[in-house]
Amino acid sequence: MDGFPPFSGDHPRCASCGHKGAHTDWHPGWPTVNIGEYLQRHCARCGFFWGERLAPADAPEPAARPTLQQRLARLFRATEGAR
C-alpha cells in the first residue's frame, strides 16, 4: 500500500502534542509515485500534519449525538432521581 497508518477515527489524537482533535482533508493521492488517496490530518493545537489511510468501507457509522431535547430529558431524569 502507501505506508500510511490506519484510520484513527473521527477524533484523532495528535502524535506530537497529544491534543484530541484535528482537521481532516481528503487527498486524491500521487499516482506518479504510487500513493493512493489518503486523509491528511492537521492538529488544531500545534499544527502538526500527518497522513492516514481512508476509513475502511465496513467501518461502523459514528453514533449520532443526542439532541438538545434528549440531553435535557436525561438531565431532568438524573435530577429527579437525586431528590
C-alpha atoms as a PDB file:
ATOM      1  CA  MET A   1       0.000   0.000   0.000  1.00  0.00           C
ATOM      2  CA  ASP A   2       1.211   3.522   0.710  1.00  0.00           C
ATOM      3  CA  GLY A   3       2.716   3.176   4.189  1.00  0.00           C
ATOM      4  CA  PHE A   4       0.181   5.439   5.919  1.00  0.00           C
ATOM      5  CA  PRO A   5      -1.076   4.396   9.357  1.00  0.00           C
ATOM      6  CA  PRO A   6      -4.664   3.151   9.609  1.00  0.00           C
ATOM      7  CA  PHE A   7      -7.637   5.469  10.039  1.00  0.00           C
ATOM      8  CA  SER A   8      -7.726   6.637  13.681  1.00  0.00           C
ATOM      9  CA  GLY A   9     -11.377   7.607  13.936  1.00  0.00           C
ATOM     10  CA  ASP A  10     -13.330  10.825  13.904  1.00  0.00           C
ATOM     11  CA  HIS A  11     -11.432  12.429  16.800  1.00  0.00           C
ATOM     12  CA  PRO A  12      -7.762  11.529  16.345  1.00  0.00           C
ATOM     13  CA  ARG A  13      -5.073  12.267  18.933  1.00  0.00           C
ATOM     14  CA  CYS A  14      -2.064  14.259  17.717  1.00  0.00           C
ATOM     15  CA  ALA A  15       1.159  12.241  17.894  1.00  0.00           C
ATOM     16  CA  SER A  16       3.132  15.419  18.519  1.00  0.00           C
ATOM     17  CA  CYS A  17       1.275  17.186  21.365  1.00  0.00           C
ATOM     18  CA  GLY A  18      -1.435  14.683  22.385  1.00  0.00           C
ATOM     19  CA  HIS A  19      -4.352  17.036  21.642  1.00  0.00           C
ATOM     20  CA  LYS A  20      -7.541  15.217  20.700  1.00  0.00           C
ATOM     21  CA  GLY A  21      -8.965  16.931  17.648  1.00  0.00           C
ATOM     22  CA  ALA A  22      -7.704  17.574  14.151  1.00  0.00           C
ATOM     23  CA  HIS A  23      -8.884  18.999  10.865  1.00  0.00           C
ATOM     24  CA  THR A  24      -9.138  16.419   8.091  1.00  0.00           C
ATOM     25  CA  ASP A  25      -8.709  16.858   4.354  1.00  0.00           C
ATOM     26  CA  TRP A  26      -9.119  14.161   1.716  1.00  0.00           C
ATOM     27  CA  HIS A  27      -6.346  13.914  -0.883  1.00  0.00           C
ATOM     28  CA  PRO A  28      -6.608  12.062  -4.186  1.00  0.00           C
ATOM     29  CA  GLY A  29      -3.035  10.788  -3.881  1.00  0.00           C
ATOM     30  CA  TRP A  30       0.021  10.892  -6.104  1.00  0.00           C
ATOM     31  CA  PRO A  31      -0.270   8.282  -8.899  1.00  0.00           C
ATOM     32  CA  THR A  32       3.187   9.119 -10.255  1.00  0.00           C
ATOM     33  CA  VAL A  33       4.772   7.803  -7.045  1.00  0.00           C
ATOM     34  CA  ASN A  34       2.169   5.067  -6.436  1.00  0.00           C
ATOM     35  CA  ILE A  35       0.400   6.703  -3.481  1.00  0.00           C
ATOM     36  CA  GLY A  36      -3.358   6.286  -3.473  1.00  0.00           C
ATOM     37  CA  GLU A  37      -5.944   8.520  -1.891  1.00  0.00           C
ATOM     38  CA  TYR A  38      -5.438   9.326   1.795  1.00  0.00           C
ATOM     39  CA  LEU A  39      -6.542  11.613   4.627  1.00  0.00           C
ATOM     40  CA  GLN A  40      -4.331  14.452   5.753  1.00  0.00           C
ATOM     41  CA  ARG A  41      -4.771  15.368   9.424  1.00  0.00           C
ATOM     42  CA  HIS A  42      -3.815  18.758  10.861  1.00  0.00           C
ATOM     43  CA  CYS A  43      -3.669  19.244  14.649  1.00  0.00           C
ATOM     44  CA  ALA A  44      -5.889  22.086  15.853  1.00  0.00           C
ATOM     45  CA  ARG A  45      -3.437  22.937  18.647  1.00  0.00           C
ATOM     46  CA  CYS A  46       0.154  22.620  17.431  1.00  0.00           C
ATOM     47  CA  GLY A  47      -0.261  22.474  13.637  1.00  0.00           C
ATOM     48  CA  PHE A  48       1.392  19.052  13.206  1.00  0.00           C
ATOM     49  CA  PHE A  49       0.440  17.299   9.924  1.00  0.00           C
ATOM     50  CA  TRP A  50       0.178  13.551   9.322  1.00  0.00           C
ATOM     51  CA  GLY A  51      -1.392  11.217   6.803  1.00  0.00           C
ATOM     52  CA  GLU A  52      -3.753   8.288   7.365  1.00  0.00           C
ATOM     53  CA  ARG A  53      -5.471   5.679   5.269  1.00  0.00           C
ATOM     54  CA  LEU A  54      -9.152   6.132   4.495  1.00  0.00           C
ATOM     55  CA  ALA A  55     -11.739   4.622   6.825  1.00  0.00           C
ATOM     56  CA  PRO A  56     -12.496   1.012   5.875  1.00  0.00           C
ATOM     57  CA  ALA A  57     -15.666   0.549   3.847  1.00  0.00           C
ATOM     58  CA  ASP A  58     -17.117  -1.703   6.559  1.00  0.00           C
ATOM     59  CA  ALA A  59     -16.419   0.784   9.399  1.00  0.00           C
ATOM     60  CA  PRO A  60     -19.484   1.485  11.535  1.00  0.00           C
ATOM     61  CA  GLU A  61     -21.153   4.864  11.276  1.00  0.00           C
ATOM     62  CA  PRO A  62     -20.383   7.175  14.180  1.00  0.00           C
ATOM     63  CA  ALA A  63     -23.095   7.287  16.821  1.00  0.00           C
ATOM     64  CA  ALA A  64     -25.486  10.192  16.425  1.00  0.00           C
ATOM     65  CA  ARG A  65     -25.123  12.903  19.032  1.00  0.00           C
ATOM     66  CA  PRO A  66     -28.148  13.298  21.289  1.00  0.00           C
ATOM     67  CA  THR A  67     -30.408  16.228  20.525  1.00  0.00           C
ATOM     68  CA  LEU A  68     -30.813  19.088  22.987  1.00  0.00           C
ATOM     69  CA  GLN A  69     -34.230  17.716  23.920  1.00  0.00           C
ATOM     70  CA  GLN A  70     -32.754  14.269  24.682  1.00  0.00           C
ATOM     71  CA  ARG A  71     -29.937  15.778  26.781  1.00  0.00           C
ATOM     72  CA  LEU A  72     -32.374  17.920  28.777  1.00  0.00           C
ATOM     73  CA  ALA A  73     -34.660  14.927  29.384  1.00  0.00           C
ATOM     74  CA  ARG A  74     -31.696  12.874  30.622  1.00  0.00           C
ATOM     75  CA  LEU A  75     -30.608  15.726  32.911  1.00  0.00           C
ATOM     76  CA  PHE A  76     -34.150  16.059  34.266  1.00  0.00           C
ATOM     77  CA  ARG A  77     -34.353  12.338  34.990  1.00  0.00           C
ATOM     78  CA  ALA A  78     -30.984  12.463  36.790  1.00  0.00           C
ATOM     79  CA  THR A  79     -32.046  15.381  38.987  1.00  0.00           C
ATOM     80  CA  GLU A  80     -35.422  13.783  39.771  1.00  0.00           C
ATOM     81  CA  GLY A  81     -33.667  10.613  40.958  1.00  0.00           C
ATOM     82  CA  ALA A  82     -31.459  12.630  43.302  1.00  0.00           C
ATOM     83  CA  ARG A  83     -34.434  14.012  45.249  1.00  0.00           C
END
